[in-house]
Amino acid sequence: MGITESLKRGTIDLLLLTLLKEKDMYGYQLVQVLTSRSGGRYTLSEGSMYPTLYRLMEKGLISDRSEQVGKRRTRIYYHLEPAGEAYLEEIRSEYLSISEGIQQVLDAAQRPKNTN
């Protein structure tokens, strides 16, 4: 697995739950909004997203509902549950803290070294 895929794996819950906090969305919509908002830097295939959505549902963090679209199509919309909101705040806080620590390490490595 490449570096990008590893980083995505660690952030997919955070990003999907963040999008669902705004409004209920269906799978393809989640992929499109994520790609658009990241400027194309974070792309996610539907095939790799659905196992995450199913896991979040099993944990009671999100729920789903079917909605008829047209005569023959059904869309599954995902909804953030209160437990999901609490979990989102927890992982968002952890992510921001870790990101800040990583940035501090990167910034320190860029400073000129003292030659005394």
N, C-alpha and C. Protein backbone atom coordinates (compact mmCIF):
# COMPACT_ATOMS: atom_id res chain seq x y z
N MET A 1 0.86 -1.18 0.00
CA MET A 1 0.00 0.00 0.00
C MET A 1 0.90 1.24 0.00
N GLY A 2 0.56 2.21 -0.85
CA GLY A 2 1.34 3.43 -0.95
C GLY A 2 1.07 4.38 0.20
N ILE A 3 1.89 5.41 0.27
CA ILE A 3 1.77 6.40 1.35
C ILE A 3 0.41 7.09 1.29
N THR A 4 0.00 7.48 0.09
CA THR A 4 -1.28 8.18 -0.04
C THR A 4 -2.42 7.31 0.46
N GLU A 5 -2.42 6.03 0.09
CA GLU A 5 -3.49 5.13 0.53
C GLU A 5 -3.48 4.96 2.04
N SER A 6 -2.32 4.89 2.63
CA SER A 6 -2.22 4.76 4.09
C SER A 6 -2.77 6.01 4.78
N LEU A 7 -2.44 7.18 4.25
CA LEU A 7 -2.95 8.42 4.84
C LEU A 7 -4.47 8.50 4.69
N LYS A 8 -4.98 8.09 3.54
CA LYS A 8 -6.43 8.10 3.33
C LYS A 8 -7.13 7.18 4.33
N ARG A 9 -6.57 6.01 4.53
CA ARG A 9 -7.18 5.05 5.44
C ARG A 9 -7.34 5.63 6.83
N GLY A 10 -6.39 6.46 7.24
CA GLY A 10 -6.44 7.06 8.56
C GLY A 10 -7.39 8.24 8.68
N THR A 11 -7.86 8.76 7.55
CA THR A 11 -8.70 9.96 7.59
C THR A 11 -10.10 9.77 7.02
N ILE A 12 -10.39 8.62 6.46
CA ILE A 12 -11.67 8.45 5.77
C ILE A 12 -12.87 8.61 6.70
N ASP A 13 -12.81 8.07 7.91
CA ASP A 13 -13.92 8.24 8.86
C ASP A 13 -14.15 9.72 9.13
N LEU A 14 -13.08 10.43 9.42
CA LEU A 14 -13.15 11.86 9.71
C LEU A 14 -13.82 12.62 8.58
N LEU A 15 -13.41 12.38 7.36
CA LEU A 15 -13.93 13.14 6.23
C LEU A 15 -15.37 12.77 5.90
N LEU A 16 -15.70 11.49 5.90
CA LEU A 16 -17.09 11.10 5.60
C LEU A 16 -18.05 11.63 6.66
N LEU A 17 -17.68 11.50 7.92
CA LEU A 17 -18.55 11.99 8.99
C LEU A 17 -18.68 13.52 8.94
N THR A 18 -17.60 14.20 8.57
CA THR A 18 -17.65 15.66 8.44
C THR A 18 -18.65 16.06 7.36
N LEU A 19 -18.62 15.38 6.24
CA LEU A 19 -19.56 15.70 5.16
C LEU A 19 -20.99 15.39 5.58
N LEU A 20 -21.18 14.28 6.27
CA LEU A 20 -22.53 13.90 6.70
C LEU A 20 -23.06 14.81 7.81
N LYS A 21 -22.18 15.50 8.49
CA LYS A 21 -22.64 16.45 9.51
C LYS A 21 -23.38 17.61 8.85
N GLU A 22 -22.98 17.96 7.64
CA GLU A 22 -23.62 19.05 6.91
C GLU A 22 -25.02 18.69 6.44
N LYS A 23 -25.14 17.48 5.86
CA LYS A 23 -26.44 17.02 5.38
C LYS A 23 -26.34 15.55 4.99
N ASP A 24 -27.48 14.90 4.88
CA ASP A 24 -27.52 13.52 4.42
C ASP A 24 -27.06 13.49 2.97
N MET A 25 -26.27 12.47 2.62
CA MET A 25 -25.78 12.33 1.26
C MET A 25 -25.79 10.86 0.86
N TYR A 26 -25.84 10.63 -0.44
CA TYR A 26 -25.74 9.26 -0.97
C TYR A 26 -24.29 9.02 -1.39
N GLY A 27 -23.94 7.76 -1.60
CA GLY A 27 -22.56 7.37 -1.84
C GLY A 27 -21.84 8.15 -2.92
N TYR A 28 -22.40 8.17 -4.13
CA TYR A 28 -21.75 8.86 -5.23
C TYR A 28 -21.56 10.35 -4.91
N GLN A 29 -22.53 10.93 -4.24
CA GLN A 29 -22.46 12.33 -3.84
C GLN A 29 -21.29 12.56 -2.87
N LEU A 30 -21.12 11.66 -1.92
CA LEU A 30 -20.00 11.77 -0.98
C LEU A 30 -18.67 11.77 -1.71
N VAL A 31 -18.52 10.87 -2.67
CA VAL A 31 -17.28 10.79 -3.45
C VAL A 31 -17.04 12.09 -4.21
N GLN A 32 -18.08 12.60 -4.85
CA GLN A 32 -17.95 13.81 -5.65
C GLN A 32 -17.62 15.03 -4.79
N VAL A 33 -18.31 15.19 -3.68
CA VAL A 33 -18.07 16.35 -2.80
C VAL A 33 -16.66 16.28 -2.22
N LEU A 34 -16.24 15.11 -1.81
CA LEU A 34 -14.91 14.93 -1.24
C LEU A 34 -13.83 15.29 -2.28
N THR A 35 -13.99 14.81 -3.48
CA THR A 35 -13.03 15.10 -4.55
C THR A 35 -13.02 16.60 -4.85
N SER A 36 -14.19 17.18 -4.95
CA SER A 36 -14.30 18.61 -5.28
C SER A 36 -13.68 19.48 -4.20
N ARG A 37 -14.04 19.24 -2.96
CA ARG A 37 -13.55 20.08 -1.86
C ARG A 37 -12.06 19.94 -1.62
N SER A 38 -11.51 18.79 -1.98
CA SER A 38 -10.07 18.59 -1.79
C SER A 38 -9.27 19.07 -3.00
N GLY A 39 -9.95 19.66 -3.95
CA GLY A 39 -9.26 20.11 -5.15
C GLY A 39 -8.70 18.95 -5.96
N GLY A 40 -9.34 17.79 -5.83
CA GLY A 40 -8.89 16.60 -6.55
C GLY A 40 -7.75 15.86 -5.88
N ARG A 41 -7.31 16.34 -4.73
CA ARG A 41 -6.19 15.69 -4.02
C ARG A 41 -6.62 14.46 -3.24
N TYR A 42 -7.88 14.39 -2.90
CA TYR A 42 -8.39 13.24 -2.12
C TYR A 42 -9.49 12.59 -2.95
N THR A 43 -9.12 11.55 -3.63
CA THR A 43 -10.11 10.81 -4.41
C THR A 43 -10.36 9.48 -3.72
N LEU A 44 -11.58 9.05 -3.78
CA LEU A 44 -12.00 7.83 -3.10
C LEU A 44 -12.93 7.08 -4.03
N SER A 45 -12.64 5.82 -4.26
CA SER A 45 -13.53 5.03 -5.10
C SER A 45 -14.73 4.61 -4.26
N GLU A 46 -15.86 4.46 -4.92
CA GLU A 46 -17.05 4.01 -4.20
C GLU A 46 -16.81 2.63 -3.59
N GLY A 47 -16.05 1.81 -4.30
CA GLY A 47 -15.76 0.46 -3.81
C GLY A 47 -14.98 0.43 -2.51
N SER A 48 -14.15 1.43 -2.29
CA SER A 48 -13.40 1.46 -1.02
C SER A 48 -14.14 2.26 0.04
N MET A 49 -15.13 3.06 -0.37
CA MET A 49 -15.88 3.87 0.58
C MET A 49 -16.98 3.04 1.28
N TYR A 50 -17.66 2.18 0.52
CA TYR A 50 -18.80 1.48 1.10
C TYR A 50 -18.45 0.59 2.29
N PRO A 51 -17.33 -0.12 2.30
CA PRO A 51 -17.00 -0.87 3.52
C PRO A 51 -16.89 0.03 4.75
N THR A 52 -16.38 1.25 4.56
CA THR A 52 -16.29 2.20 5.66
C THR A 52 -17.68 2.62 6.11
N LEU A 53 -18.56 2.93 5.16
CA LEU A 53 -19.92 3.32 5.52
C LEU A 53 -20.63 2.18 6.27
N TYR A 54 -20.46 0.96 5.80
CA TYR A 54 -21.10 -0.19 6.47
C TYR A 54 -20.56 -0.37 7.89
N ARG A 55 -19.25 -0.16 8.06
CA ARG A 55 -18.65 -0.28 9.40
C ARG A 55 -19.19 0.81 10.32
N LEU A 56 -19.32 2.02 9.80
CA LEU A 56 -19.86 3.13 10.61
C LEU A 56 -21.32 2.86 10.98
N MET A 57 -22.06 2.21 10.08
CA MET A 57 -23.45 1.85 10.38
C MET A 57 -23.51 0.79 11.47
N GLU A 58 -22.64 -0.21 11.37
CA GLU A 58 -22.61 -1.28 12.38
C GLU A 58 -22.32 -0.73 13.77
N LYS A 59 -21.52 0.32 13.83
CA LYS A 59 -21.18 0.95 15.11
C LYS A 59 -22.27 1.91 15.60
N GLY A 60 -23.30 2.13 14.79
CA GLY A 60 -24.38 3.02 15.17
C GLY A 60 -24.05 4.50 15.02
N LEU A 61 -23.00 4.80 14.25
CA LEU A 61 -22.57 6.19 14.07
C LEU A 61 -23.34 6.88 12.94
N ILE A 62 -23.77 6.11 11.97
CA ILE A 62 -24.59 6.63 10.87
C ILE A 62 -25.73 5.65 10.62
N SER A 63 -26.74 6.12 9.92
CA SER A 63 -27.85 5.26 9.51
C SER A 63 -28.09 5.50 8.03
N ASP A 64 -28.93 4.67 7.43
CA ASP A 64 -29.24 4.86 6.02
C ASP A 64 -30.74 4.83 5.80
N ARG A 65 -31.15 5.40 4.68
CA ARG A 65 -32.54 5.35 4.27
C ARG A 65 -32.59 5.31 2.76
N SER A 66 -33.57 4.62 2.23
CA SER A 66 -33.75 4.52 0.78
C SER A 66 -34.71 5.59 0.32
N GLU A 67 -34.43 6.15 -0.84
CA GLU A 67 -35.31 7.15 -1.42
C GLU A 67 -35.46 6.86 -2.92
N GLN A 68 -36.70 6.81 -3.36
CA GLN A 68 -36.98 6.55 -4.77
C GLN A 68 -36.59 7.77 -5.61
N VAL A 69 -35.83 7.52 -6.68
CA VAL A 69 -35.42 8.57 -7.60
C VAL A 69 -35.87 8.13 -8.99
N GLY A 70 -36.80 8.86 -9.55
CA GLY A 70 -37.35 8.43 -10.83
C GLY A 70 -38.24 7.22 -10.65
N LYS A 71 -38.47 6.50 -11.74
CA LYS A 71 -39.38 5.36 -11.68
C LYS A 71 -38.73 4.09 -11.18
N ARG A 72 -37.45 3.92 -11.46
CA ARG A 72 -36.82 2.63 -11.17
C ARG A 72 -35.60 2.69 -10.28
N ARG A 73 -35.12 3.86 -9.97
CA ARG A 73 -33.88 3.97 -9.21
C ARG A 73 -34.14 4.30 -7.75
N THR A 74 -33.32 3.73 -6.92
CA THR A 74 -33.37 4.02 -5.48
C THR A 74 -32.00 4.49 -5.05
N ARG A 75 -31.96 5.54 -4.26
CA ARG A 75 -30.71 6.02 -3.68
C ARG A 75 -30.73 5.73 -2.20
N ILE A 76 -29.56 5.37 -1.69
CA ILE A 76 -29.39 5.17 -0.26
C ILE A 76 -28.69 6.41 0.29
N TYR A 77 -29.40 7.11 1.16
CA TYR A 77 -28.82 8.29 1.81
C TYR A 77 -28.30 7.90 3.18
N TYR A 78 -27.17 8.48 3.55
CA TYR A 78 -26.55 8.20 4.84
C TYR A 78 -26.74 9.43 5.74
N HIS A 79 -26.99 9.15 7.01
CA HIS A 79 -27.33 10.18 7.99
C HIS A 79 -26.44 10.03 9.22
N LEU A 80 -25.90 11.14 9.70
CA LEU A 80 -25.07 11.14 10.89
C LEU A 80 -25.94 11.08 12.14
N GLU A 81 -25.73 10.09 12.96
CA GLU A 81 -26.47 9.92 14.21
C GLU A 81 -25.76 10.68 15.34
N PRO A 82 -26.46 10.94 16.45
CA PRO A 82 -25.82 11.65 17.57
C PRO A 82 -24.52 11.00 18.04
N ALA A 83 -24.47 9.67 18.08
CA ALA A 83 -23.23 8.99 18.47
C ALA A 83 -22.13 9.28 17.47
N GLY A 84 -22.49 9.43 16.20
CA GLY A 84 -21.53 9.76 15.16
C GLY A 84 -20.99 11.17 15.31
N GLU A 85 -21.87 12.09 15.73
CA GLU A 85 -21.42 13.47 15.98
C GLU A 85 -20.40 13.50 17.11
N ALA A 86 -20.67 12.76 18.17
CA ALA A 86 -19.73 12.72 19.30
C ALA A 86 -18.40 12.10 18.87
N TYR A 87 -18.47 11.03 18.11
CA TYR A 87 -17.25 10.37 17.61
C TYR A 87 -16.49 11.31 16.68
N LEU A 88 -17.21 12.03 15.83
CA LEU A 88 -16.59 12.98 14.91
C LEU A 88 -15.80 14.04 15.68
N GLU A 89 -16.38 14.59 16.72
CA GLU A 89 -15.68 15.61 17.50
C GLU A 89 -14.42 15.04 18.14
N GLU A 90 -14.50 13.80 18.60
CA GLU A 90 -13.35 13.15 19.22
C GLU A 90 -12.22 12.95 18.21
N ILE A 91 -12.54 12.38 17.03
CA ILE A 91 -11.48 12.11 16.07
C ILE A 91 -10.99 13.40 15.40
N ARG A 92 -11.85 14.39 15.29
CA ARG A 92 -11.43 15.68 14.73
C ARG A 92 -10.40 16.33 15.66
N SER A 93 -10.66 16.31 16.94
CA SER A 93 -9.74 16.87 17.93
C SER A 93 -8.40 16.14 17.89
N GLU A 94 -8.45 14.81 17.84
CA GLU A 94 -7.22 14.01 17.78
C GLU A 94 -6.45 14.31 16.50
N TYR A 95 -7.17 14.40 15.38
CA TYR A 95 -6.52 14.67 14.10
C TYR A 95 -5.82 16.03 14.13
N LEU A 96 -6.50 17.05 14.63
CA LEU A 96 -5.91 18.39 14.67
C LEU A 96 -4.67 18.43 15.57
N SER A 97 -4.73 17.72 16.69
CA SER A 97 -3.59 17.67 17.61
C SER A 97 -2.39 16.98 16.96
N ILE A 98 -2.64 15.84 16.33
CA ILE A 98 -1.56 15.09 15.66
C ILE A 98 -1.00 15.91 14.50
N SER A 99 -1.89 16.54 13.73
CA SER A 99 -1.44 17.35 12.59
C SER A 99 -0.56 18.51 13.05
N GLU A 100 -0.94 19.12 14.15
CA GLU A 100 -0.14 20.21 14.70
C GLU A 100 1.25 19.72 15.11
N GLY A 101 1.29 18.57 15.74
CA GLY A 101 2.57 17.98 16.14
C GLY A 101 3.44 17.64 14.94
N ILE A 102 2.84 17.09 13.91
CA ILE A 102 3.58 16.76 12.69
C ILE A 102 4.12 18.04 12.06
N GLN A 103 3.29 19.07 12.00
CA GLN A 103 3.71 20.34 11.40
C GLN A 103 4.88 20.94 12.18
N GLN A 104 4.86 20.83 13.50
CA GLN A 104 5.95 21.35 14.31
C GLN A 104 7.26 20.62 13.99
N VAL A 105 7.18 19.31 13.83
CA VAL A 105 8.38 18.54 13.47
C VAL A 105 8.90 18.96 12.10
N LEU A 106 7.98 19.09 11.13
CA LEU A 106 8.38 19.49 9.78
C LEU A 106 8.99 20.89 9.78
N ASP A 107 8.37 21.82 10.52
CA ASP A 107 8.88 23.19 10.59
C ASP A 107 10.27 23.23 11.23
N ALA A 108 10.45 22.45 12.29
CA ALA A 108 11.75 22.43 12.98
C ALA A 108 12.84 21.89 12.07
N ALA A 109 12.51 20.95 11.22
CA ALA A 109 13.50 20.37 10.30
C ALA A 109 13.90 21.37 9.23
N GLN A 110 13.07 22.36 8.95
CA GLN A 110 13.36 23.36 7.92
C GLN A 110 14.17 24.55 8.43
N ARG A 111 14.25 24.69 9.75
CA ARG A 111 15.00 25.82 10.31
C ARG A 111 16.51 25.60 10.10
N PRO A 112 17.22 26.69 9.88
CA PRO A 112 18.68 26.56 9.74
C PRO A 112 19.28 25.99 11.03
N LYS A 113 20.23 25.13 10.88
CA LYS A 113 20.86 24.52 12.05
C LYS A 113 21.89 25.49 12.63
N ASN A 114 21.93 25.52 13.97
CA ASN A 114 22.88 26.36 14.67
C ASN A 114 24.26 25.72 14.55
N THR A 115 25.25 26.44 14.06
CA THR A 115 26.59 25.86 13.81
C THR A 115 27.58 26.16 14.94
N ASN A 116 27.10 26.54 16.10
CA ASN A 116 28.01 26.83 17.23
C ASN A 116 28.58 25.58 17.78
